[in-house]
Amino acid sequence: MQKIPESIEALLQPVVEAAGCAWVGGEFRGGPDGLLRVYIDTEAGVTLDDCTKVSDALSGVLDVEDPFPGFYRLEVSSPGVERPMFRASDFALFIGQKVHVRLHRPLAQRRRFEGIVSAVDGEQISLSIEGDQDVFTFPFSEVERANLVFEFGGQKNDRQARRSAK
């Protein structure tokens, strides 16, 4: 999945906000099983009714504007507990929280990092890595994908725990 282009975000964001929700971000995957995924949020949390209302509103705009060629499904959801990060400002909201980041190019011979967001300075993101004294700082433009890491009772979620056990 790739982040949707800013021009399409500018088309869809006002529709989401007019439906009473906050725009979190969007991703798109083309091909025969194309998918447009839009993440929304509200202060009270996202309900099924919120998703339905936003989906109906977006469908109308997407049918008229047709920003993506070919067939695709529209999926509207909450960002969930492992919330994706679409902007540098998203990192600023979660200073002190654990995140997983994948970069476009290696930094210190690594592309993947899991650590605590320690600072955000404009477009510069700093992560403190557990068990490591180093703080890694990189521009947001180098982020390929990033999301919060959910830990239940101090344990990584089941998917991550299974991966770590192998």
N, C-alpha and C. Protein backbone atom coordinates (compact mmCIF):
# COMPACT_ATOMS: atom_id res chain seq x y z
N MET A 1 0.85 -1.18 0.00
CA MET A 1 0.00 0.00 0.00
C MET A 1 0.89 1.24 0.00
N GLN A 2 0.46 2.22 -0.74
CA GLN A 2 1.19 3.49 -0.79
C GLN A 2 0.30 4.61 -0.28
N LYS A 3 0.93 5.61 0.32
CA LYS A 3 0.17 6.79 0.73
C LYS A 3 -0.48 7.38 -0.51
N ILE A 4 -1.68 7.92 -0.34
CA ILE A 4 -2.33 8.54 -1.49
C ILE A 4 -1.66 9.88 -1.76
N PRO A 5 -1.66 10.30 -3.03
CA PRO A 5 -1.05 11.60 -3.37
C PRO A 5 -1.77 12.76 -2.66
N GLU A 6 -1.02 13.82 -2.40
CA GLU A 6 -1.58 14.99 -1.70
C GLU A 6 -2.77 15.59 -2.44
N SER A 7 -2.75 15.55 -3.78
CA SER A 7 -3.86 16.12 -4.55
C SER A 7 -5.16 15.35 -4.29
N ILE A 8 -5.06 14.04 -4.12
CA ILE A 8 -6.26 13.24 -3.84
C ILE A 8 -6.66 13.40 -2.38
N GLU A 9 -5.69 13.52 -1.49
CA GLU A 9 -5.99 13.80 -0.09
C GLU A 9 -6.75 15.12 0.03
N ALA A 10 -6.33 16.12 -0.75
CA ALA A 10 -7.01 17.42 -0.73
C ALA A 10 -8.45 17.31 -1.23
N LEU A 11 -8.71 16.35 -2.09
CA LEU A 11 -10.07 16.12 -2.60
C LEU A 11 -10.94 15.41 -1.55
N LEU A 12 -10.36 14.43 -0.85
CA LEU A 12 -11.13 13.58 0.05
C LEU A 12 -11.26 14.12 1.48
N GLN A 13 -10.23 14.80 1.97
CA GLN A 13 -10.24 15.27 3.35
C GLN A 13 -11.45 16.15 3.68
N PRO A 14 -11.82 17.13 2.84
CA PRO A 14 -12.99 17.95 3.18
C PRO A 14 -14.29 17.14 3.25
N VAL A 15 -14.38 16.07 2.48
CA VAL A 15 -15.57 15.22 2.49
C VAL A 15 -15.67 14.50 3.84
N VAL A 16 -14.53 13.98 4.31
CA VAL A 16 -14.48 13.30 5.61
C VAL A 16 -14.85 14.28 6.72
N GLU A 17 -14.29 15.48 6.67
CA GLU A 17 -14.55 16.47 7.71
C GLU A 17 -16.00 16.95 7.68
N ALA A 18 -16.59 17.07 6.48
CA ALA A 18 -18.00 17.46 6.37
C ALA A 18 -18.92 16.40 6.97
N ALA A 19 -18.45 15.16 7.03
CA ALA A 19 -19.23 14.08 7.63
C ALA A 19 -19.03 14.03 9.15
N GLY A 20 -18.27 14.98 9.70
CA GLY A 20 -18.10 15.07 11.14
C GLY A 20 -16.95 14.26 11.71
N CYS A 21 -16.03 13.85 10.85
CA CYS A 21 -14.89 13.04 11.30
C CYS A 21 -13.58 13.75 10.97
N ALA A 22 -12.52 13.32 11.60
CA ALA A 22 -11.18 13.85 11.32
C ALA A 22 -10.49 12.93 10.32
N TRP A 23 -9.80 13.53 9.37
CA TRP A 23 -9.01 12.80 8.39
C TRP A 23 -7.70 12.37 9.05
N VAL A 24 -7.39 11.08 9.03
CA VAL A 24 -6.11 10.59 9.55
C VAL A 24 -5.14 10.37 8.40
N GLY A 25 -5.61 9.73 7.32
CA GLY A 25 -4.75 9.48 6.17
C GLY A 25 -5.39 8.46 5.25
N GLY A 26 -4.70 8.17 4.16
CA GLY A 26 -5.21 7.21 3.20
C GLY A 26 -4.10 6.47 2.50
N GLU A 27 -4.42 5.25 2.05
CA GLU A 27 -3.47 4.41 1.32
C GLU A 27 -4.18 3.83 0.10
N PHE A 28 -3.38 3.52 -0.92
CA PHE A 28 -3.96 2.95 -2.13
C PHE A 28 -3.06 1.84 -2.66
N ARG A 29 -3.71 0.78 -3.14
CA ARG A 29 -3.02 -0.31 -3.83
C ARG A 29 -3.79 -0.55 -5.12
N GLY A 30 -3.10 -0.45 -6.25
CA GLY A 30 -3.73 -0.69 -7.53
C GLY A 30 -3.73 -2.15 -7.90
N GLY A 31 -4.12 -2.45 -9.12
CA GLY A 31 -4.12 -3.83 -9.60
C GLY A 31 -5.51 -4.43 -9.58
N PRO A 32 -5.58 -5.73 -9.89
CA PRO A 32 -6.89 -6.38 -9.99
C PRO A 32 -7.66 -6.43 -8.67
N ASP A 33 -6.95 -6.38 -7.56
CA ASP A 33 -7.61 -6.35 -6.26
C ASP A 33 -7.36 -4.99 -5.59
N GLY A 34 -7.56 -3.92 -6.36
CA GLY A 34 -7.28 -2.57 -5.90
C GLY A 34 -8.03 -2.22 -4.63
N LEU A 35 -7.40 -1.39 -3.80
CA LEU A 35 -7.99 -1.01 -2.52
C LEU A 35 -7.62 0.43 -2.19
N LEU A 36 -8.61 1.23 -1.86
CA LEU A 36 -8.40 2.56 -1.32
C LEU A 36 -8.83 2.49 0.14
N ARG A 37 -7.89 2.67 1.05
CA ARG A 37 -8.18 2.61 2.49
C ARG A 37 -8.06 4.02 3.05
N VAL A 38 -9.14 4.47 3.70
CA VAL A 38 -9.19 5.79 4.31
C VAL A 38 -9.36 5.62 5.82
N TYR A 39 -8.50 6.27 6.59
CA TYR A 39 -8.57 6.21 8.05
C TYR A 39 -9.20 7.49 8.57
N ILE A 40 -10.18 7.32 9.47
CA ILE A 40 -10.87 8.45 10.07
C ILE A 40 -10.79 8.33 11.59
N ASP A 41 -11.10 9.43 12.28
CA ASP A 41 -11.14 9.39 13.73
C ASP A 41 -12.15 10.41 14.22
N THR A 42 -12.61 10.23 15.44
CA THR A 42 -13.45 11.21 16.13
C THR A 42 -13.00 11.23 17.59
N GLU A 43 -13.37 12.28 18.30
CA GLU A 43 -12.99 12.37 19.71
C GLU A 43 -13.61 11.24 20.52
N ALA A 44 -14.81 10.80 20.13
CA ALA A 44 -15.51 9.75 20.87
C ALA A 44 -15.14 8.35 20.39
N GLY A 45 -14.27 8.27 19.39
CA GLY A 45 -13.95 6.97 18.79
C GLY A 45 -14.82 6.74 17.57
N VAL A 46 -14.36 5.90 16.69
CA VAL A 46 -15.04 5.66 15.41
C VAL A 46 -16.06 4.54 15.57
N THR A 47 -17.27 4.80 15.08
CA THR A 47 -18.33 3.79 15.11
C THR A 47 -18.57 3.27 13.70
N LEU A 48 -19.33 2.20 13.60
CA LEU A 48 -19.72 1.67 12.29
C LEU A 48 -20.53 2.70 11.52
N ASP A 49 -21.39 3.44 12.22
CA ASP A 49 -22.17 4.48 11.56
C ASP A 49 -21.27 5.56 10.97
N ASP A 50 -20.19 5.93 11.68
CA ASP A 50 -19.23 6.91 11.15
C ASP A 50 -18.62 6.40 9.85
N CYS A 51 -18.19 5.14 9.86
CA CYS A 51 -17.56 4.56 8.67
C CYS A 51 -18.53 4.51 7.50
N THR A 52 -19.78 4.14 7.77
CA THR A 52 -20.80 4.06 6.72
C THR A 52 -21.08 5.44 6.14
N LYS A 53 -21.23 6.43 7.02
CA LYS A 53 -21.52 7.80 6.58
C LYS A 53 -20.38 8.34 5.70
N VAL A 54 -19.15 8.14 6.13
CA VAL A 54 -18.00 8.63 5.37
C VAL A 54 -17.86 7.85 4.07
N SER A 55 -18.06 6.55 4.11
CA SER A 55 -17.96 5.72 2.90
C SER A 55 -18.97 6.18 1.85
N ASP A 56 -20.20 6.42 2.27
CA ASP A 56 -21.23 6.88 1.33
C ASP A 56 -20.86 8.23 0.72
N ALA A 57 -20.37 9.14 1.57
CA ALA A 57 -19.99 10.48 1.08
C ALA A 57 -18.80 10.40 0.12
N LEU A 58 -17.79 9.59 0.47
CA LEU A 58 -16.61 9.45 -0.39
C LEU A 58 -16.96 8.77 -1.71
N SER A 59 -17.85 7.78 -1.66
CA SER A 59 -18.22 7.06 -2.89
C SER A 59 -18.77 8.01 -3.94
N GLY A 60 -19.60 8.95 -3.51
CA GLY A 60 -20.15 9.93 -4.45
C GLY A 60 -19.07 10.76 -5.11
N VAL A 61 -18.13 11.25 -4.33
CA VAL A 61 -17.03 12.06 -4.87
C VAL A 61 -16.13 11.22 -5.77
N LEU A 62 -15.81 10.02 -5.34
CA LEU A 62 -14.92 9.15 -6.12
C LEU A 62 -15.55 8.75 -7.45
N ASP A 63 -16.86 8.54 -7.46
CA ASP A 63 -17.55 8.20 -8.70
C ASP A 63 -17.49 9.34 -9.71
N VAL A 64 -17.61 10.56 -9.22
CA VAL A 64 -17.58 11.73 -10.10
C VAL A 64 -16.16 12.07 -10.54
N GLU A 65 -15.24 12.15 -9.59
CA GLU A 65 -13.86 12.58 -9.88
C GLU A 65 -13.00 11.48 -10.48
N ASP A 66 -13.27 10.23 -10.13
CA ASP A 66 -12.54 9.06 -10.63
C ASP A 66 -11.02 9.25 -10.60
N PRO A 67 -10.44 9.47 -9.39
CA PRO A 67 -9.01 9.77 -9.31
C PRO A 67 -8.08 8.57 -9.52
N PHE A 68 -8.62 7.36 -9.41
CA PHE A 68 -7.81 6.15 -9.58
C PHE A 68 -8.34 5.35 -10.76
N PRO A 69 -7.47 4.94 -11.68
CA PRO A 69 -7.94 4.15 -12.83
C PRO A 69 -8.30 2.73 -12.40
N GLY A 70 -9.25 2.14 -13.09
CA GLY A 70 -9.59 0.74 -12.86
C GLY A 70 -10.46 0.52 -11.65
N PHE A 71 -10.62 -0.75 -11.32
CA PHE A 71 -11.46 -1.17 -10.21
C PHE A 71 -10.69 -1.09 -8.89
N TYR A 72 -11.36 -0.68 -7.85
CA TYR A 72 -10.80 -0.74 -6.50
C TYR A 72 -11.96 -0.73 -5.50
N ARG A 73 -11.69 -1.27 -4.33
CA ARG A 73 -12.65 -1.24 -3.23
C ARG A 73 -12.32 -0.05 -2.34
N LEU A 74 -13.34 0.52 -1.74
CA LEU A 74 -13.16 1.59 -0.77
C LEU A 74 -13.36 1.00 0.62
N GLU A 75 -12.40 1.21 1.49
CA GLU A 75 -12.48 0.75 2.87
C GLU A 75 -12.28 1.96 3.78
N VAL A 76 -13.22 2.19 4.68
CA VAL A 76 -13.12 3.29 5.64
C VAL A 76 -13.06 2.68 7.03
N SER A 77 -12.05 3.07 7.82
CA SER A 77 -11.91 2.47 9.15
C SER A 77 -11.24 3.43 10.12
N SER A 78 -11.27 3.04 11.39
CA SER A 78 -10.50 3.77 12.39
C SER A 78 -9.03 3.43 12.17
N PRO A 79 -8.12 4.23 12.69
CA PRO A 79 -6.70 3.89 12.53
C PRO A 79 -6.28 2.70 13.39
N GLY A 80 -7.08 2.34 14.39
CA GLY A 80 -6.77 1.18 15.23
C GLY A 80 -5.68 1.48 16.25
N VAL A 81 -5.35 0.45 17.03
CA VAL A 81 -4.36 0.64 18.10
C VAL A 81 -2.94 0.74 17.55
N GLU A 82 -2.70 0.19 16.38
CA GLU A 82 -1.38 0.32 15.75
C GLU A 82 -1.48 1.35 14.62
N ARG A 83 -1.95 2.52 15.02
CA ARG A 83 -2.26 3.63 14.14
C ARG A 83 -1.12 3.95 13.18
N PRO A 84 -1.41 4.03 11.88
CA PRO A 84 -0.37 4.46 10.93
C PRO A 84 -0.06 5.95 11.11
N MET A 85 1.15 6.32 10.77
CA MET A 85 1.61 7.70 10.88
C MET A 85 1.82 8.22 9.46
N PHE A 86 1.07 9.25 9.09
CA PHE A 86 1.11 9.76 7.72
C PHE A 86 1.88 11.07 7.58
N ARG A 87 2.08 11.80 8.69
CA ARG A 87 2.74 13.10 8.66
C ARG A 87 3.69 13.23 9.86
N ALA A 88 4.63 14.14 9.76
CA ALA A 88 5.52 14.40 10.90
C ALA A 88 4.71 14.83 12.12
N SER A 89 3.65 15.57 11.89
CA SER A 89 2.81 16.02 13.00
C SER A 89 2.15 14.84 13.73
N ASP A 90 1.96 13.71 13.05
CA ASP A 90 1.44 12.52 13.73
C ASP A 90 2.42 12.04 14.79
N PHE A 91 3.71 12.08 14.47
CA PHE A 91 4.74 11.68 15.44
C PHE A 91 4.70 12.62 16.65
N ALA A 92 4.50 13.91 16.41
CA ALA A 92 4.46 14.88 17.50
C ALA A 92 3.32 14.58 18.48
N LEU A 93 2.23 14.02 17.99
CA LEU A 93 1.10 13.66 18.85
C LEU A 93 1.44 12.50 19.78
N PHE A 94 2.44 11.71 19.39
CA PHE A 94 2.73 10.48 20.12
C PHE A 94 4.16 10.44 20.68
N ILE A 95 4.68 11.60 21.10
CA ILE A 95 5.98 11.63 21.77
C ILE A 95 5.88 10.79 23.04
N GLY A 96 6.87 9.93 23.24
CA GLY A 96 6.87 9.04 24.40
C GLY A 96 6.25 7.69 24.11
N GLN A 97 5.71 7.51 22.91
CA GLN A 97 5.07 6.25 22.52
C GLN A 97 6.02 5.44 21.64
N LYS A 98 5.82 4.12 21.64
CA LYS A 98 6.64 3.23 20.82
C LYS A 98 6.07 3.17 19.40
N VAL A 99 6.97 3.25 18.41
CA VAL A 99 6.58 3.18 17.01
C VAL A 99 7.50 2.23 16.25
N HIS A 100 6.99 1.74 15.15
CA HIS A 100 7.79 0.96 14.19
C HIS A 100 7.91 1.81 12.94
N VAL A 101 9.11 1.98 12.44
CA VAL A 101 9.37 2.83 11.27
C VAL A 101 10.18 2.05 10.25
N ARG A 102 9.76 2.15 8.99
CA ARG A 102 10.54 1.60 7.88
C ARG A 102 10.92 2.78 6.99
N LEU A 103 12.22 2.91 6.72
CA LEU A 103 12.74 4.02 5.92
C LEU A 103 12.91 3.61 4.46
N HIS A 104 12.92 4.60 3.58
CA HIS A 104 13.18 4.35 2.16
C HIS A 104 14.61 3.85 1.94
N ARG A 105 15.56 4.46 2.67
CA ARG A 105 16.98 4.11 2.54
C ARG A 105 17.56 3.83 3.92
N PRO A 106 18.60 3.02 3.98
CA PRO A 106 19.19 2.69 5.29
C PRO A 106 19.78 3.91 6.00
N LEU A 107 19.66 3.88 7.31
CA LEU A 107 20.29 4.84 8.20
C LEU A 107 21.07 3.99 9.20
N ALA A 108 22.36 4.21 9.31
CA ALA A 108 23.22 3.38 10.17
C ALA A 108 23.05 1.91 9.81
N GLN A 109 22.99 1.64 8.51
CA GLN A 109 22.89 0.29 7.94
C GLN A 109 21.60 -0.43 8.31
N ARG A 110 20.55 0.32 8.63
CA ARG A 110 19.24 -0.26 8.95
C ARG A 110 18.15 0.51 8.23
N ARG A 111 17.10 -0.21 7.86
CA ARG A 111 15.91 0.46 7.31
C ARG A 111 14.74 0.41 8.29
N ARG A 112 14.77 -0.54 9.21
CA ARG A 112 13.66 -0.72 10.16
C ARG A 112 14.10 -0.37 11.57
N PHE A 113 13.24 0.38 12.24
CA PHE A 113 13.51 0.81 13.61
C PHE A 113 12.25 0.63 14.44
N GLU A 114 12.44 0.23 15.68
CA GLU A 114 11.35 0.23 16.65
C GLU A 114 11.89 0.93 17.88
N GLY A 115 11.22 2.01 18.25
CA GLY A 115 11.70 2.79 19.37
C GLY A 115 10.67 3.78 19.85
N ILE A 116 11.07 4.59 20.80
CA ILE A 116 10.20 5.59 21.41
C ILE A 116 10.42 6.93 20.70
N VAL A 117 9.33 7.57 20.31
CA VAL A 117 9.44 8.90 19.71
C VAL A 117 9.93 9.84 20.81
N SER A 118 11.14 10.35 20.64
CA SER A 118 11.72 11.20 21.69
C SER A 118 11.60 12.68 21.36
N ALA A 119 11.53 13.03 20.06
CA ALA A 119 11.42 14.44 19.69
C ALA A 119 10.96 14.56 18.25
N VAL A 120 10.29 15.67 17.98
CA VAL A 120 9.92 16.04 16.62
C VAL A 120 10.25 17.52 16.49
N ASP A 121 11.10 17.84 15.50
CA ASP A 121 11.49 19.23 15.26
C ASP A 121 11.19 19.53 13.80
N GLY A 122 10.04 20.11 13.55
CA GLY A 122 9.63 20.34 12.17
C GLY A 122 9.41 19.02 11.47
N GLU A 123 10.25 18.72 10.49
CA GLU A 123 10.15 17.47 9.74
C GLU A 123 11.16 16.43 10.22
N GLN A 124 11.93 16.74 11.27
CA GLN A 124 12.93 15.82 11.81
C GLN A 124 12.32 14.99 12.94
N ILE A 125 12.43 13.67 12.83
CA ILE A 125 11.90 12.74 13.82
C ILE A 125 13.07 12.10 14.56
N SER A 126 12.99 12.01 15.88
CA SER A 126 14.03 11.35 16.67
C SER A 126 13.42 10.18 17.43
N LEU A 127 14.09 9.01 17.33
CA LEU A 127 13.66 7.80 18.03
C LEU A 127 14.76 7.34 18.97
N SER A 128 14.37 6.99 20.19
CA SER A 128 15.27 6.35 21.15
C SER A 128 15.01 4.85 21.07
N ILE A 129 16.06 4.09 20.87
CA ILE A 129 15.93 2.64 20.70
C ILE A 129 16.19 1.97 22.04
N GLU A 130 15.28 1.06 22.44
CA GLU A 130 15.45 0.34 23.70
C GLU A 130 16.73 -0.48 23.67
N GLY A 131 17.46 -0.48 24.79
CA GLY A 131 18.70 -1.24 24.89
C GLY A 131 19.85 -0.64 24.11
N ASP A 132 19.65 0.53 23.56
CA ASP A 132 20.67 1.19 22.75
C ASP A 132 20.76 2.64 23.24
N GLN A 133 21.94 3.15 23.40
CA GLN A 133 22.09 4.52 23.89
C GLN A 133 21.87 5.55 22.78
N ASP A 134 21.85 5.08 21.54
CA ASP A 134 21.75 6.00 20.41
C ASP A 134 20.33 6.52 20.22
N VAL A 135 20.25 7.74 19.73
CA VAL A 135 19.01 8.32 19.27
C VAL A 135 19.17 8.50 17.77
N PHE A 136 18.24 7.96 17.01
CA PHE A 136 18.30 8.07 15.55
C PHE A 136 17.37 9.19 15.11
N THR A 137 17.91 10.10 14.31
CA THR A 137 17.13 11.23 13.80
C THR A 137 17.14 11.17 12.29
N PHE A 138 15.98 11.37 11.70
CA PHE A 138 15.84 11.29 10.24
C PHE A 138 14.71 12.22 9.80
N PRO A 139 14.77 12.68 8.55
CA PRO A 139 13.69 13.53 8.05
C PRO A 139 12.45 12.68 7.75
N PHE A 140 11.29 13.24 7.97
CA PHE A 140 10.05 12.51 7.70
C PHE A 140 9.98 12.05 6.24
N SER A 141 10.57 12.80 5.34
CA SER A 141 10.55 12.43 3.91
C SER A 141 11.20 11.07 3.66
N GLU A 142 12.03 10.60 4.58
CA GLU A 142 12.67 9.28 4.44
C GLU A 142 11.79 8.14 4.95
N VAL A 143 10.66 8.45 5.58
CA VAL A 143 9.79 7.42 6.14
C VAL A 143 8.96 6.79 5.03
N GLU A 144 9.13 5.49 4.86
CA GLU A 144 8.32 4.74 3.90
C GLU A 144 6.99 4.36 4.54
N ARG A 145 7.06 3.92 5.79
CA ARG A 145 5.87 3.47 6.52
C ARG A 145 6.18 3.56 8.02
N ALA A 146 5.17 3.95 8.80
CA ALA A 146 5.35 4.02 10.25
C ALA A 146 4.01 3.80 10.94
N ASN A 147 4.07 3.19 12.12
CA ASN A 147 2.86 2.99 12.90
C ASN A 147 3.20 2.85 14.39
N LEU A 148 2.18 3.13 15.22
CA LEU A 148 2.33 2.89 16.65
C LEU A 148 2.47 1.39 16.89
N VAL A 149 3.12 1.03 17.99
CA VAL A 149 3.25 -0.37 18.39
C VAL A 149 2.40 -0.57 19.64
N PHE A 150 1.43 -1.46 19.55
CA PHE A 150 0.55 -1.75 20.68
C PHE A 150 1.20 -2.79 21.59
N GLU A 151 1.25 -2.48 22.86
CA GLU A 151 1.76 -3.43 23.85
C GLU A 151 0.69 -3.63 24.90
N PHE A 152 0.23 -4.85 25.04
CA PHE A 152 -0.81 -5.18 26.00
C PHE A 152 -0.15 -5.68 27.28
N GLY A 153 -0.34 -4.97 28.36
CA GLY A 153 0.24 -5.38 29.64
C GLY A 153 1.75 -5.51 29.59
N GLY A 154 2.39 -4.65 28.78
CA GLY A 154 3.84 -4.69 28.68
C GLY A 154 4.36 -5.73 27.70
N GLN A 155 3.46 -6.50 27.09
CA GLN A 155 3.87 -7.51 26.11
C GLN A 155 3.52 -7.02 24.72
N LYS A 156 4.34 -7.36 23.75
CA LYS A 156 4.02 -7.04 22.36
C LYS A 156 2.75 -7.77 21.98
N ASN A 157 2.05 -7.26 20.97
CA ASN A 157 0.82 -7.94 20.56
C ASN A 157 1.13 -9.34 20.05
N ASP A 158 0.12 -10.19 19.91
CA ASP A 158 0.31 -11.60 19.58
C ASP A 158 1.12 -11.81 18.31
N ARG A 159 0.84 -11.04 17.27
CA ARG A 159 1.55 -11.19 16.01
C ARG A 159 3.04 -10.94 16.21
N GLN A 160 3.38 -9.89 16.93
CA GLN A 160 4.79 -9.57 17.16
C GLN A 160 5.43 -10.59 18.09
N ALA A 161 4.70 -11.07 19.08
CA ALA A 161 5.25 -12.06 20.01
C ALA A 161 5.56 -13.36 19.27
N ARG A 162 4.68 -13.77 18.35
CA ARG A 162 4.93 -14.99 17.57
C ARG A 162 6.18 -14.82 16.71
N ARG A 163 6.33 -13.64 16.10
CA ARG A 163 7.51 -13.39 15.26
C ARG A 163 8.78 -13.41 16.10
N SER A 164 8.72 -12.83 17.30
CA SER A 164 9.90 -12.78 18.17
C SER A 164 10.29 -14.15 18.68
N ALA A 165 9.30 -15.05 18.84
CA ALA A 165 9.56 -16.38 19.38
C ALA A 165 10.23 -17.30 18.37
N LYS A 166 10.14 -16.96 17.08
CA LYS A 166 10.73 -17.82 16.03
C LYS A 166 12.21 -17.67 15.94
